[in-house]
Amino acid sequence: MGMEKELEIELETSGVELSEERKDLIRRVMAAALCAEGKNGGVTILITTPEEIRRLNREFRNVDSVTDVLTFPACEGEMDFASPDGYLGDVAICLERALEQAEAYGHSPERELGFLTVHGALHLLGYDHMNEPDEKKMFSRQDEILNGLHLLRTDPAGAPGPERRENGNG
């Protein structure tokens, strides 16, 4: 009867203003994604600027460009995807990129922030999209979680938005 690590979601902002409603949404979406996968543990989410996410991307991935979301699993490559203390890892989201993508895809900023949060959560848990079968599995799981939260891929008029994902930097 081991002690189960509780869900601990810390949200930080750096250089951006984020409403309490959006902070609550991001925490709720992260919790839902982890619970959907049967995982507990700690996660830190950083909502930041294009400059900061570019710096992180350059420093940790050797990619000198702005991206929408980066993930930093605590135990990369291990089967249970959690460090002994239960910490799962960090997710960084670029607010400006999220808002631009929401507009480009014709859905709400909340849906895009939800999408990027779920995308980051699944990466922390070992999902990836480097090949087609893995991509199908990951994106299908993302859609299930987002649909369960009623964060649907539709524009304000209710028409389906364009299919996702053009980049592979999550």
Protein backbone atom coordinates (compact mmCIF):
# COMPACT_ATOMS: atom_id res chain seq x y z
CA MET A 1 0.00 0.00 0.00
CA GLY A 2 2.29 2.78 -1.28
CA MET A 3 1.62 6.43 -0.79
CA GLU A 4 0.02 7.79 -3.95
CA LYS A 5 1.37 11.16 -5.04
CA GLU A 6 -1.36 13.77 -5.30
CA LEU A 7 -1.93 15.98 -8.28
CA GLU A 8 -0.03 19.26 -7.85
CA ILE A 9 -0.30 21.78 -10.65
CA GLU A 10 1.67 24.98 -10.35
CA LEU A 11 1.08 27.74 -12.87
CA GLU A 12 3.55 30.57 -13.39
CA THR A 13 3.57 33.49 -15.78
CA SER A 14 6.62 35.28 -17.11
CA GLY A 15 6.25 38.57 -18.96
CA VAL A 16 2.56 38.04 -19.75
CA GLU A 17 -0.79 38.93 -18.20
CA LEU A 18 -3.21 36.03 -17.84
CA SER A 19 -6.72 36.30 -16.42
CA GLU A 20 -7.70 34.19 -13.41
CA GLU A 21 -10.31 32.49 -15.65
CA ARG A 22 -7.64 31.38 -18.11
CA LYS A 23 -5.32 30.28 -15.29
CA ASP A 24 -8.15 28.19 -13.85
CA LEU A 25 -8.90 26.75 -17.29
CA ILE A 26 -5.27 25.69 -17.82
CA ARG A 27 -5.07 24.07 -14.37
CA ARG A 28 -8.42 22.29 -14.93
CA VAL A 29 -7.36 21.02 -18.37
CA MET A 30 -4.00 19.74 -17.07
CA ALA A 31 -5.75 17.95 -14.19
CA ALA A 32 -8.29 16.40 -16.59
CA ALA A 33 -5.55 15.22 -18.98
CA LEU A 34 -3.51 13.61 -16.20
CA CYS A 35 -6.61 12.03 -14.63
CA ALA A 36 -7.72 10.70 -18.03
CA GLU A 37 -4.37 8.91 -18.21
CA GLY A 38 -4.61 7.70 -14.60
CA LYS A 39 -1.58 9.75 -13.52
CA ASN A 40 -0.91 11.78 -10.40
CA GLY A 41 2.08 13.92 -9.58
CA GLY A 42 3.44 17.40 -9.91
CA VAL A 43 3.53 19.60 -12.99
CA THR A 44 4.66 23.19 -13.43
CA ILE A 45 3.16 25.17 -16.30
CA LEU A 46 4.87 28.35 -17.47
CA ILE A 47 2.90 30.80 -19.62
CA THR A 48 5.43 33.06 -21.26
CA THR A 49 6.57 35.36 -24.06
CA PRO A 50 7.85 34.50 -27.54
CA GLU A 51 11.34 35.62 -26.46
CA GLU A 52 11.41 33.32 -23.44
CA ILE A 53 10.04 30.26 -25.26
CA ARG A 54 12.56 30.86 -28.05
CA ARG A 55 15.36 30.97 -25.45
CA LEU A 56 14.12 27.71 -23.87
CA ASN A 57 13.78 26.08 -27.31
CA ARG A 58 17.32 27.15 -28.24
CA GLU A 59 18.83 26.15 -24.89
CA PHE A 60 17.16 22.74 -24.51
CA ARG A 61 16.40 21.64 -28.07
CA ASN A 62 18.99 23.50 -30.14
CA VAL A 63 16.16 25.02 -32.18
CA ASP A 64 16.43 28.80 -32.44
CA SER A 65 12.79 29.66 -33.06
CA VAL A 66 9.55 30.53 -31.29
CA THR A 67 7.19 27.62 -30.75
CA ASP A 68 3.77 27.18 -29.13
CA VAL A 69 4.52 24.60 -26.43
CA LEU A 70 7.58 22.88 -24.98
CA THR A 71 7.65 19.99 -22.53
CA PHE A 72 10.33 18.93 -20.12
CA PRO A 73 9.57 15.46 -18.67
CA ALA A 74 11.15 14.82 -15.27
CA CYS A 75 12.26 11.31 -16.29
CA GLU A 76 12.70 11.12 -20.04
CA GLY A 77 12.68 7.59 -21.39
CA GLU A 78 11.58 5.80 -18.24
CA MET A 79 8.59 3.51 -18.39
CA ASP A 80 6.49 5.01 -15.61
CA PHE A 81 7.15 8.63 -16.68
CA ALA A 82 7.40 9.93 -13.12
CA SER A 83 10.39 10.60 -10.95
CA PRO A 84 10.53 8.88 -7.55
CA ASP A 85 9.09 12.00 -5.88
CA GLY A 86 6.15 11.94 -8.30
CA TYR A 87 7.14 15.06 -10.22
CA LEU A 88 6.09 14.64 -13.86
CA GLY A 89 7.79 17.68 -15.41
CA ASP A 90 7.30 21.16 -16.85
CA VAL A 91 5.28 22.59 -19.71
CA ALA A 92 5.97 26.01 -21.25
CA ILE A 93 3.31 27.69 -23.41
CA CYS A 94 3.79 30.84 -25.46
CA LEU A 95 0.69 32.97 -24.87
CA GLU A 96 1.19 35.18 -27.93
CA ARG A 97 1.58 32.13 -30.21
CA ALA A 98 -1.50 30.50 -28.65
CA LEU A 99 -3.59 33.60 -29.35
CA GLU A 100 -2.29 33.83 -32.94
CA GLN A 101 -3.05 30.14 -33.55
CA ALA A 102 -6.55 30.44 -32.10
CA GLU A 103 -7.28 33.17 -34.60
CA ALA A 104 -5.66 31.25 -37.49
CA TYR A 105 -7.61 28.07 -36.68
CA GLY A 106 -10.87 29.92 -36.11
CA HIS A 107 -11.53 28.89 -32.53
CA SER A 108 -11.42 30.49 -29.11
CA PRO A 109 -8.21 31.33 -27.24
CA GLU A 110 -9.51 29.06 -24.48
CA ARG A 111 -9.68 26.11 -26.87
CA GLU A 112 -6.14 26.75 -28.08
CA LEU A 113 -4.77 27.10 -24.54
CA GLY A 114 -6.61 23.88 -23.68
CA PHE A 115 -5.17 22.13 -26.73
CA LEU A 116 -1.60 23.19 -25.91
CA THR A 117 -2.04 22.17 -22.26
CA VAL A 118 -3.31 18.68 -23.18
CA HIS A 119 -0.59 18.36 -25.83
CA GLY A 120 2.04 19.19 -23.21
CA ALA A 121 0.49 16.84 -20.63
CA LEU A 122 0.53 13.92 -23.06
CA HIS A 123 4.17 14.60 -23.97
CA LEU A 124 5.03 14.50 -20.24
CA LEU A 125 3.40 11.07 -20.10
CA GLY A 126 5.41 9.68 -23.00
CA TYR A 127 3.16 10.33 -26.00
CA ASP A 128 4.83 11.61 -29.15
CA HIS A 129 4.09 12.37 -32.79
CA MET A 130 7.35 11.51 -34.56
CA ASN A 131 5.68 8.89 -36.78
CA GLU A 132 2.18 8.44 -38.14
CA PRO A 133 0.89 5.68 -35.79
CA ASP A 134 2.12 7.58 -32.71
CA GLU A 135 0.70 10.83 -34.08
CA LYS A 136 -2.73 9.24 -34.66
CA LYS A 137 -2.72 7.80 -31.14
CA MET A 138 -1.65 11.09 -29.52
CA PHE A 139 -3.98 13.35 -31.51
CA SER A 140 -6.93 11.03 -31.02
CA ARG A 141 -6.31 11.04 -27.24
CA GLN A 142 -6.02 14.86 -27.28
CA ASP A 143 -9.36 15.16 -29.06
CA GLU A 144 -11.05 12.77 -26.60
CA ILE A 145 -9.83 14.79 -23.61
CA LEU A 146 -10.67 18.18 -25.16
CA ASN A 147 -14.12 17.01 -26.29
CA GLY A 148 -14.76 15.71 -22.77
CA LEU A 149 -14.02 19.23 -21.52
CA HIS A 150 -16.25 20.77 -24.26
CA LEU A 151 -13.25 22.56 -25.76
CA LEU A 152 -14.30 21.84 -29.30
CA ARG A 153 -12.52 22.57 -32.56
CA THR A 154 -15.10 24.92 -34.02
CA ASP A 155 -15.22 28.53 -35.00
CA PRO A 156 -17.69 30.94 -33.36
CA ALA A 157 -20.28 30.12 -36.05
CA GLY A 158 -20.03 26.43 -35.21
CA ALA A 159 -18.29 25.26 -38.39
CA PRO A 160 -15.49 22.74 -37.91
CA GLY A 161 -12.05 24.32 -37.87
CA PRO A 162 -9.13 23.16 -40.00
CA GLU A 163 -7.25 20.05 -39.00
CA ARG A 164 -4.22 20.46 -36.78
CA ARG A 165 -0.88 20.22 -36.40
CA GLU A 166 1.61 21.79 -38.70
CA ASN A 167 4.68 21.62 -36.50
CA GLY A 168 6.36 18.97 -34.47
CA ASN A 169 7.89 20.99 -31.71
CA GLY A 170 5.51 20.14 -28.85
